Structures are given as structure tokens and as C-alpha cells.
Amino acid sequence: MSKVCVIGGGPAGLSAAYYLRLAGHAVTIYDAMPEMGGMLRYGIPEYRLPKAVLRKEVESIKKLGVEMKNNVKVGQDITFEDIKANADAVLVAIGAWKGSSIRCKGEELDGVLSGIDFLREVNMGARPDLGKNVAVVGGGNVAIDVSRTAVRCGASKVTQVSLETRDIMPALPEEIEIAESEGIELQGGWGPKEILTENGKVTGIVFKKCTQVKNAEGRFDPKYDENDTMTIECSNVLLS
């Protein structure tokens, strides 16, 4: 029997720990967050994945004999060298917790949040102070989650803007329909150009017309008409 340490208690780390334990290995998971689950716990809204269901799944893995250590940050609470010294093998499954830059002027402003950070705050019990009008940038299922969560956080109007038009948005058709049924306005065919601010606060976001999302080879290669713009007044911009 080998001793394996897994760094990261998200879906990859938990799945690896499950199968390693079934194979007879001793497994310890280290995770920086208060509870296991990773993005399942901190990135997916309650209405989509009830936390009670997730906890039951995690508990079933724990009952197999997997040791779970939460609130442990590698490099701060324990060194990577210490973990390696006490294991026959180490699996790094830390996931992707940072939002991507949209390379847009003003994205560093107060009032601009990445969708990942926003969902994590909400899933940890916080209620971000959103204004009445919120703009969400993105066209995938996660962006839909961000928009629907913004509604649940008290935003009166949520406008979701994507490069893709509605018919080719990456979000699933049923997700799009649900979002619209909840009053979320979808604007397709636009890319962010500049986030507006006044006295240090976000006041709106300017979009430029997207004339191409992918090139002839099917590669992501957006093109824009810089002179064709649309401005949305808002107090918060959520990047997803």
C-alpha cells in the first residue's frame, strides 16, 4: 500500500482520492477552503447543485478512509517539501480559480468582479453589494449562472452581453431560456471596449460590434467594428 497526498479537494482531487482508496492506497487530501468540493462547492450556485447533496458525496468518500484536511494552504500552513517527504506520491489538483482578463480598459476598477470571484463570495455566504443595474460579460453556462445569481442578490436589471449572437451562444439552449424567463436581457454580437467610471465608481460599459467570433478554420479569432458601439449604464460589471 502506498501513501498518496492530494493537493486540492475539488472534483479532480476527490475523484482521484476515491479511486486511489478503492485500489487500496492511503490517501490524504489537503485543501485551502473550509469545505471540500472545490468549484462544485464554491463555483456552482445552490439552485443547480444543492450543497446537501455535495456534502453527502464528500462524506461517502471520507467513509472509505480518505483523510481530509481543510483550511490548509500549501506554502503557507505546510510546505510542499513536507508533503512530499511524507508521501510516496503527490497529486496536484488545484484547479483554475482565477478569472480571465478581457483586456478591457477599466477592468481593474472597484465594482468590476470576475464571475468566479462573485460566485465564490455568494457560495461562502456573502451577499455582494450590487447596484440595481448589472452587466455580465460572457455567453457560456457559467455566465448564465452569474446572471441568475446577480438577480438573486437583488439586482433589478441584469444585461448579459456576449460576443456570440443568441443562436450560437455556447450556453445550452435551456439555460438561455431559463435566464430569459427570469428577466435577464441577452445582448449578442458585442465585445467589451471600455468600462466607464465617475468619482471612482463604475457607471457603465461600452461595447463594440463583434463582426467575427471564429475564423475560417474555426479558431477563436474575434474581429470588431470599433465605430459601432453600444453603452450600457450599470453600477457593476461581472466578467465571465
Protein backbone atom coordinates (compact mmCIF):
# COMPACT_ATOMS: atom_id res chain seq x y z
CA MET A 1 0.00 0.00 0.00
CA SER A 2 1.31 3.42 -0.97
CA LYS A 3 0.61 6.71 0.74
CA VAL A 4 -0.69 9.38 -1.63
CA CYS A 5 -1.25 13.06 -0.85
CA VAL A 6 -3.67 15.00 -2.99
CA ILE A 7 -3.44 18.79 -3.08
CA GLY A 8 -6.88 20.15 -3.91
CA GLY A 9 -10.28 18.88 -2.82
CA GLY A 10 -12.25 19.72 -5.95
CA PRO A 11 -13.81 17.27 -8.42
CA ALA A 12 -10.43 16.09 -9.74
CA GLY A 13 -8.87 15.64 -6.30
CA LEU A 14 -11.93 13.95 -4.83
CA SER A 15 -12.30 11.60 -7.80
CA ALA A 16 -8.62 10.66 -7.65
CA ALA A 17 -8.84 10.05 -3.90
CA TYR A 18 -11.89 7.82 -4.40
CA TYR A 19 -10.25 5.57 -6.96
CA LEU A 20 -6.90 5.52 -5.16
CA ARG A 21 -8.63 4.42 -1.98
CA LEU A 22 -10.56 1.70 -3.83
CA ALA A 23 -7.18 0.48 -5.09
CA GLY A 24 -6.03 0.14 -1.50
CA HIS A 25 -3.85 3.21 -1.08
CA ALA A 26 -3.79 5.52 1.94
CA VAL A 27 -4.95 8.95 0.80
CA THR A 28 -4.84 12.40 2.39
CA ILE A 29 -6.41 15.44 0.73
CA TYR A 30 -5.20 18.96 1.55
CA ASP A 31 -7.50 21.81 0.59
CA ALA A 32 -7.27 25.55 1.21
CA MET A 33 -11.01 26.14 1.57
CA PRO A 34 -13.24 25.48 4.62
CA GLU A 35 -15.04 22.60 2.90
CA MET A 36 -14.17 20.05 0.25
CA GLY A 37 -15.71 20.34 -3.20
CA GLY A 38 -13.69 22.99 -4.99
CA MET A 39 -15.70 24.59 -7.77
CA LEU A 40 -18.55 22.17 -7.08
CA ARG A 41 -18.87 23.84 -3.69
CA TYR A 42 -17.75 27.39 -4.39
CA GLY A 43 -18.45 27.91 -8.09
CA ILE A 44 -21.83 26.32 -8.73
CA PRO A 45 -24.98 28.01 -7.35
CA GLU A 46 -27.15 26.29 -4.76
CA TYR A 47 -30.12 26.11 -7.13
CA ARG A 48 -28.07 24.00 -9.55
CA LEU A 49 -26.18 21.78 -7.11
CA PRO A 50 -27.64 21.69 -3.57
CA LYS A 51 -24.83 21.73 -1.02
CA ALA A 52 -26.52 18.96 0.98
CA VAL A 53 -26.09 16.63 -1.99
CA LEU A 54 -22.43 17.58 -2.37
CA ARG A 55 -21.72 17.07 1.33
CA LYS A 56 -23.28 13.60 1.11
CA GLU A 57 -20.99 12.72 -1.79
CA VAL A 58 -17.91 14.03 0.04
CA GLU A 59 -18.89 12.13 3.17
CA SER A 60 -19.16 8.89 1.19
CA ILE A 61 -15.55 9.34 0.05
CA LYS A 62 -14.45 10.16 3.59
CA LYS A 63 -16.08 6.98 4.89
CA LEU A 64 -13.83 4.96 2.61
CA GLY A 65 -10.96 6.08 4.81
CA VAL A 66 -9.75 9.13 2.93
CA GLU A 67 -8.27 11.69 5.32
CA MET A 68 -9.40 15.23 4.59
CA LYS A 69 -7.64 18.36 5.82
CA ASN A 70 -9.31 21.69 5.14
CA ASN A 71 -8.12 25.28 5.65
CA VAL A 72 -4.58 24.17 4.79
CA LYS A 73 -2.74 26.35 2.29
CA VAL A 74 0.31 24.74 0.79
CA GLY A 75 3.23 27.11 1.02
CA GLN A 76 1.71 28.87 4.00
CA ASP A 77 0.41 26.33 6.51
CA ILE A 78 2.54 23.46 5.21
CA THR A 79 5.36 23.28 2.70
CA PHE A 80 5.25 21.24 -0.47
CA GLU A 81 8.52 19.63 0.64
CA ASP A 82 6.88 18.43 3.88
CA ILE A 83 4.04 16.89 1.90
CA LYS A 84 6.46 15.10 -0.45
CA ALA A 85 8.54 13.84 2.47
CA ASN A 86 5.50 12.10 3.96
CA ALA A 87 4.11 10.51 0.80
CA ASP A 88 5.05 8.01 -1.86
CA ALA A 89 3.27 10.12 -4.45
CA VAL A 90 1.70 13.60 -4.65
CA LEU A 91 -1.12 14.59 -6.97
CA VAL A 92 -1.57 18.32 -7.59
CA ALA A 93 -5.21 19.07 -8.46
CA ILE A 94 -5.56 22.74 -7.57
CA GLY A 95 -7.97 23.70 -10.36
CA ALA A 96 -8.38 27.10 -12.01
CA TRP A 97 -9.57 29.71 -9.52
CA LYS A 98 -8.66 32.90 -11.33
CA GLY A 99 -10.87 34.71 -13.79
CA SER A 100 -9.50 35.56 -17.23
CA SER A 101 -8.70 39.10 -18.28
CA ILE A 102 -10.88 40.60 -21.01
CA ARG A 103 -8.17 43.15 -21.82
CA CYS A 104 -10.59 45.99 -21.46
CA LYS A 105 -9.85 49.45 -20.15
CA GLY A 106 -11.25 49.83 -16.63
CA GLU A 107 -11.49 46.16 -15.67
CA GLU A 108 -9.41 46.86 -12.56
CA LEU A 109 -12.00 49.34 -11.21
CA ASP A 110 -13.94 48.92 -7.99
CA GLY A 111 -17.30 47.45 -8.98
CA VAL A 112 -15.82 45.05 -11.52
CA LEU A 113 -15.66 41.41 -10.41
CA SER A 114 -14.73 38.17 -12.11
CA GLY A 115 -17.63 35.75 -12.29
CA ILE A 116 -15.58 33.14 -10.41
CA ASP A 117 -14.92 35.53 -7.50
CA PHE A 118 -18.55 36.62 -7.45
CA LEU A 119 -19.91 33.06 -7.31
CA ARG A 120 -17.37 32.10 -4.65
CA GLU A 121 -18.41 35.01 -2.42
CA VAL A 122 -22.06 34.07 -2.72
CA ASN A 123 -21.40 30.38 -2.11
CA MET A 124 -19.45 31.27 1.04
CA GLY A 125 -22.49 33.06 2.42
CA ALA A 126 -21.70 36.63 1.44
CA ARG A 127 -24.13 38.88 -0.38
CA PRO A 128 -22.14 41.22 -2.64
CA ASP A 129 -23.48 44.73 -2.66
CA LEU A 130 -24.63 45.00 -6.24
CA GLY A 131 -26.34 48.05 -7.64
CA LYS A 132 -29.68 47.92 -9.36
CA ASN A 133 -28.23 47.59 -12.87
CA VAL A 134 -25.62 44.90 -13.55
CA ALA A 135 -23.82 43.99 -16.76
CA VAL A 136 -22.49 40.45 -17.21
CA VAL A 137 -19.89 39.81 -19.90
CA GLY A 138 -19.90 36.28 -21.31
CA GLY A 139 -22.05 33.80 -23.16
CA GLY A 140 -21.43 30.42 -21.55
CA ASN A 141 -23.24 28.44 -18.88
CA VAL A 142 -21.12 29.99 -16.13
CA ALA A 143 -22.08 33.46 -17.34
CA ILE A 144 -25.72 32.37 -17.11
CA ASP A 145 -25.07 31.25 -13.52
CA VAL A 146 -23.52 34.64 -12.78
CA SER A 147 -26.51 36.47 -14.26
CA ARG A 148 -29.07 34.37 -12.39
CA THR A 149 -27.15 34.73 -9.15
CA ALA A 150 -26.98 38.51 -9.61
CA VAL A 151 -30.79 38.52 -9.82
CA ARG A 152 -30.92 36.54 -6.57
CA CYS A 153 -28.56 39.08 -4.98
CA GLY A 154 -31.03 41.89 -5.59
CA ALA A 155 -30.11 43.33 -8.99
CA SER A 156 -33.21 44.83 -10.62
CA LYS A 157 -31.86 44.62 -14.15
CA VAL A 158 -29.24 42.22 -15.45
CA THR A 159 -27.96 42.55 -19.01
CA GLN A 160 -25.76 39.73 -20.28
CA VAL A 161 -23.61 40.58 -23.28
CA SER A 162 -21.69 38.07 -25.38
CA LEU A 163 -19.55 38.03 -28.49
CA GLU A 164 -21.81 35.37 -29.93
CA THR A 165 -25.34 36.04 -31.09
CA ARG A 166 -28.11 34.13 -29.33
CA ASP A 167 -28.22 31.32 -31.89
CA ILE A 168 -24.53 30.42 -31.43
CA MET A 169 -24.01 31.24 -27.76
CA PRO A 170 -22.03 28.48 -26.01
CA ALA A 171 -24.61 28.28 -23.21
CA LEU A 172 -27.11 25.46 -23.53
CA PRO A 173 -30.44 26.47 -25.14
CA GLU A 174 -32.38 25.50 -21.99
CA GLU A 175 -30.05 27.67 -19.88
CA ILE A 176 -30.68 30.62 -22.17
CA GLU A 177 -34.43 30.13 -21.95
CA ILE A 178 -34.36 29.93 -18.15
CA ALA A 179 -32.27 33.11 -17.95
CA GLU A 180 -34.72 34.99 -20.16
CA SER A 181 -37.66 33.67 -18.12
CA GLU A 182 -36.06 35.27 -15.06
CA GLY A 183 -35.92 38.65 -16.78
CA ILE A 184 -32.27 38.62 -17.84
CA GLU A 185 -31.73 40.58 -21.05
CA LEU A 186 -29.37 38.94 -23.55
CA GLN A 187 -27.41 41.06 -26.00
CA GLY A 188 -25.41 39.06 -28.52
CA GLY A 189 -22.77 40.14 -31.01
CA TRP A 190 -20.87 42.64 -28.84
CA GLY A 191 -17.44 42.74 -27.20
CA PRO A 192 -16.29 44.95 -24.29
CA LYS A 193 -14.43 48.10 -25.25
CA GLU A 194 -14.24 50.24 -22.11
CA ILE A 195 -15.66 50.34 -18.59
CA LEU A 196 -16.82 53.80 -17.60
CA THR A 197 -16.29 55.39 -14.21
CA GLU A 198 -17.11 58.56 -12.34
CA ASN A 199 -15.60 59.50 -8.98
CA GLY A 200 -14.07 56.05 -8.71
CA LYS A 201 -17.34 54.20 -9.26
CA VAL A 202 -18.47 52.19 -12.28
CA THR A 203 -21.18 53.96 -14.25
CA GLY A 204 -21.38 51.85 -17.38
CA ILE A 205 -19.63 49.77 -20.00
CA VAL A 206 -19.11 50.43 -23.69
CA PHE A 207 -19.29 47.54 -26.17
CA LYS A 208 -18.08 47.34 -29.77
CA LYS A 209 -19.78 45.36 -32.50
CA CYS A 210 -18.35 41.89 -32.98
CA THR A 211 -18.19 41.08 -36.69
CA GLN A 212 -16.48 37.70 -36.33
CA VAL A 213 -16.06 35.27 -33.45
CA LYS A 214 -14.16 32.47 -35.22
CA ASN A 215 -12.09 32.47 -38.39
CA ALA A 216 -12.48 30.22 -41.43
CA GLU A 217 -10.51 27.46 -39.66
CA GLY A 218 -12.91 27.55 -36.73
CA ARG A 219 -10.41 29.12 -34.36
CA PHE A 220 -11.42 31.78 -31.84
CA ASP A 221 -10.41 34.99 -33.60
CA PRO A 222 -12.85 37.84 -32.83
CA LYS A 223 -12.97 40.91 -35.06
CA TYR A 224 -14.72 44.17 -34.26
CA ASP A 225 -16.13 47.32 -35.76
CA GLU A 226 -14.69 49.90 -33.38
CA ASN A 227 -17.04 52.60 -34.67
CA ASP A 228 -20.24 50.67 -33.96
CA THR A 229 -20.71 50.86 -30.19
CA MET A 230 -23.34 50.31 -27.52
CA THR A 231 -23.27 51.68 -23.96
CA ILE A 232 -24.99 50.02 -21.00
CA GLU A 233 -25.42 52.01 -17.82
CA CYS A 234 -24.62 49.90 -14.76
CA SER A 235 -23.07 50.03 -11.31
CA ASN A 236 -21.35 46.64 -11.51
CA VAL A 237 -19.69 44.61 -14.24
CA LEU A 238 -19.29 40.86 -13.77
CA LEU A 239 -16.75 39.24 -16.09
CA SER A 240 -17.45 35.66 -17.05
